[in-house]
All heavy atoms as atom14 arrays in JSON, in Angstrom:
{
  "sequence": "RIGQALLSVGPDRLAYGSEGFIWPDVQAYITMWANLEMPDELQDRYGY",
  "atom14_mask": [
    [1, 1, 1, 1, 1, 1, 1, 1, 1, 1, 1, 0, 0, 0],
    [1, 1, 1, 1, 1, 1, 1, 1, 0, 0, 0, 0, 0, 0],
    [1, 1, 1, 1, 0, 0, 0, 0, 0, 0, 0, 0, 0, 0],
    [1, 1, 1, 1, 1, 1, 1, 1, 1, 0, 0, 0, 0, 0],
    [1, 1, 1, 1, 1, 0, 0, 0, 0, 0, 0, 0, 0, 0],
    [1, 1, 1, 1, 1, 1, 1, 1, 0, 0, 0, 0, 0, 0],
    [1, 1, 1, 1, 1, 1, 1, 1, 0, 0, 0, 0, 0, 0],
    [1, 1, 1, 1, 1, 1, 0, 0, 0, 0, 0, 0, 0, 0],
    [1, 1, 1, 1, 1, 1, 1, 0, 0, 0, 0, 0, 0, 0],
    [1, 1, 1, 1, 0, 0, 0, 0, 0, 0, 0, 0, 0, 0],
    [1, 1, 1, 1, 1, 1, 1, 0, 0, 0, 0, 0, 0, 0],
    [1, 1, 1, 1, 1, 1, 1, 1, 0, 0, 0, 0, 0, 0],
    [1, 1, 1, 1, 1, 1, 1, 1, 1, 1, 1, 0, 0, 0],
    [1, 1, 1, 1, 1, 1, 1, 1, 0, 0, 0, 0, 0, 0],
    [1, 1, 1, 1, 1, 0, 0, 0, 0, 0, 0, 0, 0, 0],
    [1, 1, 1, 1, 1, 1, 1, 1, 1, 1, 1, 1, 0, 0],
    [1, 1, 1, 1, 0, 0, 0, 0, 0, 0, 0, 0, 0, 0],
    [1, 1, 1, 1, 1, 1, 0, 0, 0, 0, 0, 0, 0, 0],
    [1, 1, 1, 1, 1, 1, 1, 1, 1, 0, 0, 0, 0, 0],
    [1, 1, 1, 1, 0, 0, 0, 0, 0, 0, 0, 0, 0, 0],
    [1, 1, 1, 1, 1, 1, 1, 1, 1, 1, 1, 0, 0, 0],
    [1, 1, 1, 1, 1, 1, 1, 1, 0, 0, 0, 0, 0, 0],
    [1, 1, 1, 1, 1, 1, 1, 1, 1, 1, 1, 1, 1, 1],
    [1, 1, 1, 1, 1, 1, 1, 0, 0, 0, 0, 0, 0, 0],
    [1, 1, 1, 1, 1, 1, 1, 1, 0, 0, 0, 0, 0, 0],
    [1, 1, 1, 1, 1, 1, 1, 0, 0, 0, 0, 0, 0, 0],
    [1, 1, 1, 1, 1, 1, 1, 1, 1, 0, 0, 0, 0, 0],
    [1, 1, 1, 1, 1, 0, 0, 0, 0, 0, 0, 0, 0, 0],
    [1, 1, 1, 1, 1, 1, 1, 1, 1, 1, 1, 1, 0, 0],
    [1, 1, 1, 1, 1, 1, 1, 1, 0, 0, 0, 0, 0, 0],
    [1, 1, 1, 1, 1, 1, 1, 0, 0, 0, 0, 0, 0, 0],
    [1, 1, 1, 1, 1, 1, 1, 1, 0, 0, 0, 0, 0, 0],
    [1, 1, 1, 1, 1, 1, 1, 1, 1, 1, 1, 1, 1, 1],
    [1, 1, 1, 1, 1, 0, 0, 0, 0, 0, 0, 0, 0, 0],
    [1, 1, 1, 1, 1, 1, 1, 1, 0, 0, 0, 0, 0, 0],
    [1, 1, 1, 1, 1, 1, 1, 1, 0, 0, 0, 0, 0, 0],
    [1, 1, 1, 1, 1, 1, 1, 1, 1, 0, 0, 0, 0, 0],
    [1, 1, 1, 1, 1, 1, 1, 1, 0, 0, 0, 0, 0, 0],
    [1, 1, 1, 1, 1, 1, 1, 0, 0, 0, 0, 0, 0, 0],
    [1, 1, 1, 1, 1, 1, 1, 1, 0, 0, 0, 0, 0, 0],
    [1, 1, 1, 1, 1, 1, 1, 1, 1, 0, 0, 0, 0, 0],
    [1, 1, 1, 1, 1, 1, 1, 1, 0, 0, 0, 0, 0, 0],
    [1, 1, 1, 1, 1, 1, 1, 1, 1, 0, 0, 0, 0, 0],
    [1, 1, 1, 1, 1, 1, 1, 1, 0, 0, 0, 0, 0, 0],
    [1, 1, 1, 1, 1, 1, 1, 1, 1, 1, 1, 0, 0, 0],
    [1, 1, 1, 1, 1, 1, 1, 1, 1, 1, 1, 1, 0, 0],
    [1, 1, 1, 1, 0, 0, 0, 0, 0, 0, 0, 0, 0, 0],
    [1, 1, 1, 1, 1, 1, 1, 1, 1, 1, 1, 1, 0, 0]
  ],
  "atom14_positions": [
    [[66.94, 105.36, 140.89], [68.38, 105.27, 140.65], [68.74, 103.98, 139.91], [69.49, 103.99, 138.93], [69.14, 105.37, 141.97], [70.62, 105.56, 141.83], [71.25, 105.94, 143.16], [70.84, 107.28, 143.59], [71.31, 107.88, 144.68], [72.17, 107.26, 145.46], [70.91, 109.1, 145.0], [0.0, 0.0, 0.0], [0.0, 0.0, 0.0], [0.0, 0.0, 0.0]],
    [[68.22, 102.85, 140.37], [68.53, 101.58, 139.72], [67.89, 101.53, 138.34], [68.46, 100.97, 137.39], [68.09, 100.38, 140.59], [68.78, 99.09, 140.13], [66.59, 100.19, 140.57], [70.22, 99.01, 140.48], [0.0, 0.0, 0.0], [0.0, 0.0, 0.0], [0.0, 0.0, 0.0], [0.0, 0.0, 0.0], [0.0, 0.0, 0.0], [0.0, 0.0, 0.0]],
    [[66.72, 102.16, 138.19], [66.07, 102.22, 136.88], [66.89, 103.0, 135.88], [67.07, 102.59, 134.72], [0.0, 0.0, 0.0], [0.0, 0.0, 0.0], [0.0, 0.0, 0.0], [0.0, 0.0, 0.0], [0.0, 0.0, 0.0], [0.0, 0.0, 0.0], [0.0, 0.0, 0.0], [0.0, 0.0, 0.0], [0.0, 0.0, 0.0], [0.0, 0.0, 0.0]],
    [[67.43, 104.14, 136.31], [68.27, 104.95, 135.42], [69.53, 104.2, 135.03], [69.97, 104.26, 133.87], [68.61, 106.26, 136.12], [67.43, 107.2, 136.3], [67.72, 108.32, 137.28], [68.77, 108.36, 137.92], [66.78, 109.26, 137.4], [0.0, 0.0, 0.0], [0.0, 0.0, 0.0], [0.0, 0.0, 0.0], [0.0, 0.0, 0.0], [0.0, 0.0, 0.0]],
    [[70.13, 103.5, 135.99], [71.34, 102.74, 135.68], [71.05, 101.61, 134.7], [71.82, 101.36, 133.77], [71.94, 102.19, 136.97], [0.0, 0.0, 0.0], [0.0, 0.0, 0.0], [0.0, 0.0, 0.0], [0.0, 0.0, 0.0], [0.0, 0.0, 0.0], [0.0, 0.0, 0.0], [0.0, 0.0, 0.0], [0.0, 0.0, 0.0], [0.0, 0.0, 0.0]],
    [[69.93, 100.93, 134.88], [69.57, 99.85, 133.96], [69.31, 100.38, 132.56], [69.68, 99.75, 131.55], [68.35, 99.11, 134.48], [68.61, 98.17, 135.67], [67.29, 97.73, 136.29], [69.43, 96.96, 135.25], [0.0, 0.0, 0.0], [0.0, 0.0, 0.0], [0.0, 0.0, 0.0], [0.0, 0.0, 0.0], [0.0, 0.0, 0.0], [0.0, 0.0, 0.0]],
    [[68.7, 101.56, 132.45], [68.44, 102.14, 131.14], [69.72, 102.58, 130.44], [69.9, 102.34, 129.24], [67.51, 103.36, 131.29], [66.01, 103.11, 131.31], [65.27, 104.44, 131.42], [65.54, 102.37, 130.07], [0.0, 0.0, 0.0], [0.0, 0.0, 0.0], [0.0, 0.0, 0.0], [0.0, 0.0, 0.0], [0.0, 0.0, 0.0], [0.0, 0.0, 0.0]],
    [[70.62, 103.22, 131.17], [71.79, 103.85, 130.55], [73.02, 102.95, 130.48], [73.82, 103.06, 129.55], [72.16, 105.13, 131.32], [71.11, 106.06, 131.29], [0.0, 0.0, 0.0], [0.0, 0.0, 0.0], [0.0, 0.0, 0.0], [0.0, 0.0, 0.0], [0.0, 0.0, 0.0], [0.0, 0.0, 0.0], [0.0, 0.0, 0.0], [0.0, 0.0, 0.0]],
    [[73.16, 102.07, 131.45], [74.34, 101.19, 131.52], [73.98, 99.77, 131.08], [74.79, 99.08, 130.47], [74.94, 101.18, 132.95], [76.18, 100.31, 133.01], [75.25, 102.6, 133.39], [0.0, 0.0, 0.0], [0.0, 0.0, 0.0], [0.0, 0.0, 0.0], [0.0, 0.0, 0.0], [0.0, 0.0, 0.0], [0.0, 0.0, 0.0], [0.0, 0.0, 0.0]],
    [[72.78, 99.35, 131.41], [72.35, 98.0, 131.09], [72.51, 97.07, 132.28], [73.14, 97.42, 133.29], [0.0, 0.0, 0.0], [0.0, 0.0, 0.0], [0.0, 0.0, 0.0], [0.0, 0.0, 0.0], [0.0, 0.0, 0.0], [0.0, 0.0, 0.0], [0.0, 0.0, 0.0], [0.0, 0.0, 0.0], [0.0, 0.0, 0.0], [0.0, 0.0, 0.0]],
    [[71.99, 95.86, 132.18], [71.99, 94.94, 133.32], [73.28, 94.15, 133.52], [73.38, 93.41, 134.48], [70.83, 93.99, 132.98], [70.84, 93.94, 131.49], [71.21, 95.32, 131.03], [0.0, 0.0, 0.0], [0.0, 0.0, 0.0], [0.0, 0.0, 0.0], [0.0, 0.0, 0.0], [0.0, 0.0, 0.0], [0.0, 0.0, 0.0], [0.0, 0.0, 0.0]],
    [[74.25, 94.32, 132.61], [75.44, 93.46, 132.65], [76.62, 94.06, 133.41], [77.63, 93.38, 133.6], [75.9, 93.13, 131.22], [74.86, 92.33, 130.46], [74.16, 91.51, 131.1], [74.74, 92.53, 129.24], [0.0, 0.0, 0.0], [0.0, 0.0, 0.0], [0.0, 0.0, 0.0], [0.0, 0.0, 0.0], [0.0, 0.0, 0.0], [0.0, 0.0, 0.0]],
    [[76.52, 95.33, 133.84], [77.66, 95.95, 134.52], [77.24, 96.61, 135.83], [77.81, 97.62, 136.25], [78.35, 96.95, 133.59], [79.13, 96.25, 132.48], [79.9, 97.2, 131.6], [79.04, 97.94, 130.7], [78.97, 99.26, 130.62], [79.71, 100.02, 131.42], [78.16, 99.85, 129.75], [0.0, 0.0, 0.0], [0.0, 0.0, 0.0], [0.0, 0.0, 0.0]],
    [[76.23, 96.05, 136.49], [75.83, 96.47, 137.83], [76.06, 95.3, 138.76], [75.76, 94.15, 138.42], [74.35, 96.87, 137.87], [73.85, 97.86, 136.82], [72.36, 98.14, 137.03], [74.64, 99.14, 136.85], [0.0, 0.0, 0.0], [0.0, 0.0, 0.0], [0.0, 0.0, 0.0], [0.0, 0.0, 0.0], [0.0, 0.0, 0.0], [0.0, 0.0, 0.0]],
    [[76.6, 95.56, 139.95], [76.98, 94.46, 140.84], [76.55, 94.75, 142.27], [76.72, 95.87, 142.79], [78.49, 94.21, 140.79], [0.0, 0.0, 0.0], [0.0, 0.0, 0.0], [0.0, 0.0, 0.0], [0.0, 0.0, 0.0], [0.0, 0.0, 0.0], [0.0, 0.0, 0.0], [0.0, 0.0, 0.0], [0.0, 0.0, 0.0], [0.0, 0.0, 0.0]],
    [[76.0, 93.73, 142.9], [75.56, 93.79, 144.3], [76.72, 94.13, 145.24], [77.86, 93.72, 145.04], [74.99, 92.42, 144.67], [74.77, 92.18, 146.16], [73.66, 92.69, 146.8], [75.67, 91.41, 146.89], [73.45, 92.45, 148.15], [75.46, 91.18, 148.24], [74.36, 91.7, 148.87], [74.16, 91.46, 150.2], [0.0, 0.0, 0.0], [0.0, 0.0, 0.0]],
    [[76.39, 94.86, 146.28], [77.31, 95.1, 147.38], [76.5, 95.39, 148.63], [75.44, 96.02, 148.55], [0.0, 0.0, 0.0], [0.0, 0.0, 0.0], [0.0, 0.0, 0.0], [0.0, 0.0, 0.0], [0.0, 0.0, 0.0], [0.0, 0.0, 0.0], [0.0, 0.0, 0.0], [0.0, 0.0, 0.0], [0.0, 0.0, 0.0], [0.0, 0.0, 0.0]],
    [[76.96, 94.94, 149.78], [76.13, 95.01, 150.99], [76.68, 95.9, 152.09], [75.97, 96.22, 153.03], [75.95, 93.61, 151.57], [77.18, 93.14, 152.1], [0.0, 0.0, 0.0], [0.0, 0.0, 0.0], [0.0, 0.0, 0.0], [0.0, 0.0, 0.0], [0.0, 0.0, 0.0], [0.0, 0.0, 0.0], [0.0, 0.0, 0.0], [0.0, 0.0, 0.0]],
    [[77.97, 96.28, 152.01], [78.63, 96.91, 153.15], [78.43, 96.04, 154.39], [78.17, 96.52, 155.49], [78.09, 98.32, 153.4], [78.37, 99.31, 152.28], [79.83, 99.7, 152.16], [80.69, 99.11, 152.85], [80.13, 100.62, 151.38], [0.0, 0.0, 0.0], [0.0, 0.0, 0.0], [0.0, 0.0, 0.0], [0.0, 0.0, 0.0], [0.0, 0.0, 0.0]],
    [[78.55, 94.71, 154.22], [78.25, 93.78, 155.28], [79.12, 93.93, 156.51], [78.71, 93.57, 157.61], [0.0, 0.0, 0.0], [0.0, 0.0, 0.0], [0.0, 0.0, 0.0], [0.0, 0.0, 0.0], [0.0, 0.0, 0.0], [0.0, 0.0, 0.0], [0.0, 0.0, 0.0], [0.0, 0.0, 0.0], [0.0, 0.0, 0.0], [0.0, 0.0, 0.0]],
    [[80.33, 94.48, 156.35], [81.18, 94.69, 157.51], [80.62, 95.78, 158.42], [80.88, 95.8, 159.61], [82.6, 95.09, 157.09], [83.46, 93.91, 156.72], [84.16, 93.88, 155.52], [83.57, 92.84, 157.58], [84.95, 92.8, 155.2], [84.36, 91.75, 157.26], [85.06, 91.73, 156.06], [0.0, 0.0, 0.0], [0.0, 0.0, 0.0], [0.0, 0.0, 0.0]],
    [[79.84, 96.69, 157.84], [79.28, 97.79, 158.62], [77.88, 97.43, 159.12], [77.53, 97.66, 160.27], [79.23, 99.08, 157.78], [80.63, 99.41, 157.25], [78.67, 100.23, 158.6], [80.65, 100.58, 156.3], [0.0, 0.0, 0.0], [0.0, 0.0, 0.0], [0.0, 0.0, 0.0], [0.0, 0.0, 0.0], [0.0, 0.0, 0.0], [0.0, 0.0, 0.0]],
    [[77.07, 96.87, 158.22], [75.72, 96.44, 158.57], [75.62, 94.94, 158.26], [75.22, 94.53, 157.17], [74.69, 97.21, 157.75], [74.73, 98.68, 158.04], [74.33, 99.3, 159.19], [75.19, 99.72, 157.17], [74.52, 100.66, 159.09], [75.05, 100.95, 157.86], [75.71, 99.75, 155.88], [75.4, 102.16, 157.3], [76.07, 100.96, 155.33], [75.91, 102.14, 156.04]],
    [[76.0, 94.09, 159.21], [76.21, 92.67, 158.89], [74.95, 91.83, 158.69], [75.05, 90.66, 158.34], [77.0, 92.17, 160.09], [76.66, 93.1, 161.21], [76.41, 94.42, 160.58], [0.0, 0.0, 0.0], [0.0, 0.0, 0.0], [0.0, 0.0, 0.0], [0.0, 0.0, 0.0], [0.0, 0.0, 0.0], [0.0, 0.0, 0.0], [0.0, 0.0, 0.0]],
    [[73.75, 92.38, 158.86], [72.53, 91.6, 158.67], [72.17, 91.58, 157.18], [71.2, 92.18, 156.74], [71.39, 92.19, 159.5], [70.11, 91.35, 159.41], [70.21, 90.19, 158.95], [69.05, 91.85, 159.78], [0.0, 0.0, 0.0], [0.0, 0.0, 0.0], [0.0, 0.0, 0.0], [0.0, 0.0, 0.0], [0.0, 0.0, 0.0], [0.0, 0.0, 0.0]],
    [[72.99, 90.88, 156.39], [72.84, 90.95, 154.94], [71.65, 90.14, 154.42], [71.23, 90.33, 153.28], [74.12, 90.49, 154.22], [75.28, 91.41, 154.56], [74.47, 89.06, 154.58], [0.0, 0.0, 0.0], [0.0, 0.0, 0.0], [0.0, 0.0, 0.0], [0.0, 0.0, 0.0], [0.0, 0.0, 0.0], [0.0, 0.0, 0.0], [0.0, 0.0, 0.0]],
    [[71.1, 89.23, 155.25], [69.96, 88.46, 154.78], [68.79, 89.35, 154.4], [68.04, 89.07, 153.45], [69.52, 87.44, 155.84], [68.39, 86.53, 155.38], [68.75, 85.72, 154.15], [69.8, 85.08, 154.13], [67.89, 85.73, 153.14], [0.0, 0.0, 0.0], [0.0, 0.0, 0.0], [0.0, 0.0, 0.0], [0.0, 0.0, 0.0], [0.0, 0.0, 0.0]],
    [[68.64, 90.47, 155.1], [67.56, 91.41, 154.76], [67.74, 91.95, 153.35], [66.76, 92.13, 152.61], [67.52, 92.56, 155.76], [0.0, 0.0, 0.0], [0.0, 0.0, 0.0], [0.0, 0.0, 0.0], [0.0, 0.0, 0.0], [0.0, 0.0, 0.0], [0.0, 0.0, 0.0], [0.0, 0.0, 0.0], [0.0, 0.0, 0.0], [0.0, 0.0, 0.0]],
    [[68.99, 92.21, 152.94], [69.25, 92.71, 151.59], [68.98, 91.63, 150.55], [68.44, 91.9, 149.48], [70.69, 93.2, 151.45], [71.14, 94.15, 152.52], [72.42, 94.1, 153.06], [70.27, 95.12, 153.02], [72.83, 94.97, 154.05], [70.67, 96.0, 154.0], [71.95, 95.93, 154.52], [72.35, 96.8, 155.49], [0.0, 0.0, 0.0], [0.0, 0.0, 0.0]],
    [[69.38, 90.4, 150.88], [69.17, 89.29, 149.96], [67.67, 89.08, 149.72], [67.21, 88.95, 148.58], [69.81, 88.01, 150.51], [71.34, 88.18, 150.56], [69.43, 86.79, 149.69], [72.06, 87.08, 151.31], [0.0, 0.0, 0.0], [0.0, 0.0, 0.0], [0.0, 0.0, 0.0], [0.0, 0.0, 0.0], [0.0, 0.0, 0.0], [0.0, 0.0, 0.0]],
    [[66.9, 89.07, 150.8], [65.46, 88.87, 150.69], [64.81, 90.03, 149.94], [63.93, 89.82, 149.08], [64.84, 88.73, 152.09], [65.46, 87.64, 152.77], [63.35, 88.49, 152.0], [0.0, 0.0, 0.0], [0.0, 0.0, 0.0], [0.0, 0.0, 0.0], [0.0, 0.0, 0.0], [0.0, 0.0, 0.0], [0.0, 0.0, 0.0], [0.0, 0.0, 0.0]],
    [[65.22, 91.24, 150.25], [64.65, 92.41, 149.57], [64.89, 92.32, 148.07], [63.97, 92.49, 147.27], [65.27, 93.69, 150.14], [64.82, 94.98, 149.43], [65.78, 95.42, 147.95], [67.3, 95.99, 148.71], [0.0, 0.0, 0.0], [0.0, 0.0, 0.0], [0.0, 0.0, 0.0], [0.0, 0.0, 0.0], [0.0, 0.0, 0.0], [0.0, 0.0, 0.0]],
    [[66.13, 92.05, 147.65], [66.46, 92.03, 146.22], [65.75, 90.89, 145.51], [65.27, 91.03, 144.39], [67.95, 91.94, 146.04], [68.39, 91.97, 144.6], [69.03, 90.99, 143.91], [68.23, 93.05, 143.67], [69.26, 91.37, 142.62], [68.78, 92.65, 142.45], [67.65, 94.32, 143.77], [68.78, 93.46, 141.32], [67.65, 95.13, 142.63], [68.21, 94.7, 141.44]],
    [[65.63, 89.75, 146.18], [64.96, 88.6, 145.57], [63.49, 88.9, 145.29], [62.92, 88.4, 144.31], [65.08, 87.37, 146.47], [0.0, 0.0, 0.0], [0.0, 0.0, 0.0], [0.0, 0.0, 0.0], [0.0, 0.0, 0.0], [0.0, 0.0, 0.0], [0.0, 0.0, 0.0], [0.0, 0.0, 0.0], [0.0, 0.0, 0.0], [0.0, 0.0, 0.0]],
    [[62.87, 89.72, 146.12], [61.44, 89.99, 146.0], [61.11, 91.34, 145.38], [59.94, 91.65, 145.15], [60.77, 89.91, 147.38], [60.88, 88.52, 147.99], [60.72, 87.52, 147.31], [61.16, 88.46, 149.29], [0.0, 0.0, 0.0], [0.0, 0.0, 0.0], [0.0, 0.0, 0.0], [0.0, 0.0, 0.0], [0.0, 0.0, 0.0], [0.0, 0.0, 0.0]],
    [[62.13, 92.15, 145.1], [61.89, 93.52, 144.65], [61.27, 93.54, 143.24], [61.65, 92.75, 142.38], [63.21, 94.31, 144.63], [63.09, 95.81, 144.35], [62.31, 96.51, 145.46], [64.48, 96.43, 144.21], [0.0, 0.0, 0.0], [0.0, 0.0, 0.0], [0.0, 0.0, 0.0], [0.0, 0.0, 0.0], [0.0, 0.0, 0.0], [0.0, 0.0, 0.0]],
    [[60.33, 94.46, 143.04], [59.71, 94.66, 141.74], [59.8, 96.14, 141.38], [59.74, 97.01, 142.26], [58.25, 94.22, 141.75], [58.06, 92.72, 141.99], [56.59, 92.33, 141.98], [55.74, 93.23, 141.89], [56.32, 91.12, 142.05], [0.0, 0.0, 0.0], [0.0, 0.0, 0.0], [0.0, 0.0, 0.0], [0.0, 0.0, 0.0], [0.0, 0.0, 0.0]],
    [[59.95, 96.41, 140.09], [59.88, 97.79, 139.62], [58.41, 98.16, 139.47], [57.69, 97.51, 138.69], [60.61, 97.95, 138.28], [60.62, 99.38, 137.76], [61.59, 100.53, 138.79], [63.26, 99.94, 138.44], [0.0, 0.0, 0.0], [0.0, 0.0, 0.0], [0.0, 0.0, 0.0], [0.0, 0.0, 0.0], [0.0, 0.0, 0.0], [0.0, 0.0, 0.0]],
    [[57.93, 99.14, 140.2], [56.5, 99.48, 140.12], [56.07, 99.78, 138.69], [56.82, 100.38, 137.9], [56.39, 100.72, 141.01], [57.55, 100.61, 141.96], [58.65, 99.99, 141.17], [0.0, 0.0, 0.0], [0.0, 0.0, 0.0], [0.0, 0.0, 0.0], [0.0, 0.0, 0.0], [0.0, 0.0, 0.0], [0.0, 0.0, 0.0], [0.0, 0.0, 0.0]],
    [[54.86, 99.38, 138.35], [54.33, 99.63, 137.0], [54.34, 101.13, 136.68], [54.6, 101.53, 135.54], [52.89, 99.1, 136.9], [52.84, 97.58, 136.93], [53.88, 96.94, 136.64], [51.77, 97.03, 137.25], [0.0, 0.0, 0.0], [0.0, 0.0, 0.0], [0.0, 0.0, 0.0], [0.0, 0.0, 0.0], [0.0, 0.0, 0.0], [0.0, 0.0, 0.0]],
    [[54.07, 101.93, 137.7], [54.06, 103.39, 137.49], [55.4, 103.89, 136.96], [55.46, 104.69, 136.02], [53.73, 104.09, 138.8], [53.83, 105.61, 138.73], [53.85, 106.27, 140.1], [53.7, 105.57, 141.12], [54.05, 107.5, 140.14], [0.0, 0.0, 0.0], [0.0, 0.0, 0.0], [0.0, 0.0, 0.0], [0.0, 0.0, 0.0], [0.0, 0.0, 0.0]],
    [[56.5, 103.41, 137.53], [57.82, 103.86, 137.09], [58.18, 103.27, 135.73], [58.86, 103.92, 134.93], [58.87, 103.46, 138.14], [58.71, 104.09, 139.52], [59.89, 103.73, 140.42], [58.57, 105.6, 139.42], [0.0, 0.0, 0.0], [0.0, 0.0, 0.0], [0.0, 0.0, 0.0], [0.0, 0.0, 0.0], [0.0, 0.0, 0.0], [0.0, 0.0, 0.0]],
    [[57.73, 102.05, 135.46], [57.96, 101.48, 134.14], [57.21, 102.28, 133.08], [57.76, 102.58, 132.0], [57.5, 100.03, 134.11], [58.31, 99.09, 134.99], [57.89, 97.65, 134.84], [57.88, 97.11, 133.74], [57.53, 97.01, 135.95], [0.0, 0.0, 0.0], [0.0, 0.0, 0.0], [0.0, 0.0, 0.0], [0.0, 0.0, 0.0], [0.0, 0.0, 0.0]],
    [[55.97, 102.66, 133.37], [55.16, 103.38, 132.39], [55.63, 104.81, 132.19], [55.7, 105.31, 131.06], [53.68, 103.38, 132.83], [53.07, 101.99, 132.83], [53.63, 101.1, 132.15], [52.05, 101.78, 133.54], [0.0, 0.0, 0.0], [0.0, 0.0, 0.0], [0.0, 0.0, 0.0], [0.0, 0.0, 0.0], [0.0, 0.0, 0.0], [0.0, 0.0, 0.0]],
    [[55.97, 105.5, 133.28], [56.3, 106.92, 133.18], [57.73, 107.17, 132.73], [58.0, 108.15, 132.03], [56.08, 107.59, 134.54], [54.64, 107.68, 134.98], [54.49, 108.49, 136.24], [54.88, 109.89, 136.05], [54.88, 110.81, 136.99], [54.48, 110.49, 138.23], [55.25, 112.04, 136.74], [0.0, 0.0, 0.0], [0.0, 0.0, 0.0], [0.0, 0.0, 0.0]],
    [[58.66, 106.27, 133.11], [60.07, 106.53, 132.84], [60.72, 105.48, 131.93], [61.88, 105.66, 131.54], [60.86, 106.6, 134.16], [60.37, 107.69, 135.07], [59.52, 107.41, 136.13], [60.76, 109.02, 134.87], [59.06, 108.41, 136.97], [60.31, 110.03, 135.7], [59.46, 109.72, 136.76], [59.01, 110.72, 137.57], [0.0, 0.0, 0.0], [0.0, 0.0, 0.0]],
    [[60.0, 104.42, 131.6], [60.57, 103.41, 130.72], [61.55, 102.48, 131.39], [62.32, 101.8, 130.71], [0.0, 0.0, 0.0], [0.0, 0.0, 0.0], [0.0, 0.0, 0.0], [0.0, 0.0, 0.0], [0.0, 0.0, 0.0], [0.0, 0.0, 0.0], [0.0, 0.0, 0.0], [0.0, 0.0, 0.0], [0.0, 0.0, 0.0], [0.0, 0.0, 0.0]],
    [[61.55, 102.44, 132.73], [62.45, 101.54, 133.43], [62.07, 100.09, 133.16], [60.88, 99.77, 133.05], [62.43, 101.8, 134.94], [62.87, 103.19, 135.35], [62.42, 103.75, 136.53], [63.73, 103.94, 134.56], [62.81, 105.03, 136.93], [64.14, 105.2, 134.94], [63.67, 105.74, 136.13], [64.07, 107.0, 136.5], [0.0, 0.0, 0.0], [0.0, 0.0, 0.0]]
  ]
}
């Protein structure tokens, strides 16, 4: 999903959101996003 959005919309109009009022442990999201990588398989097969 994020790969498709980056391809079609670009990186300048996507914005983080956490729903922190519902799931308030937002540090897990921060850590996940900081360390997340797009797998080589998805880059090669779909051009993400």
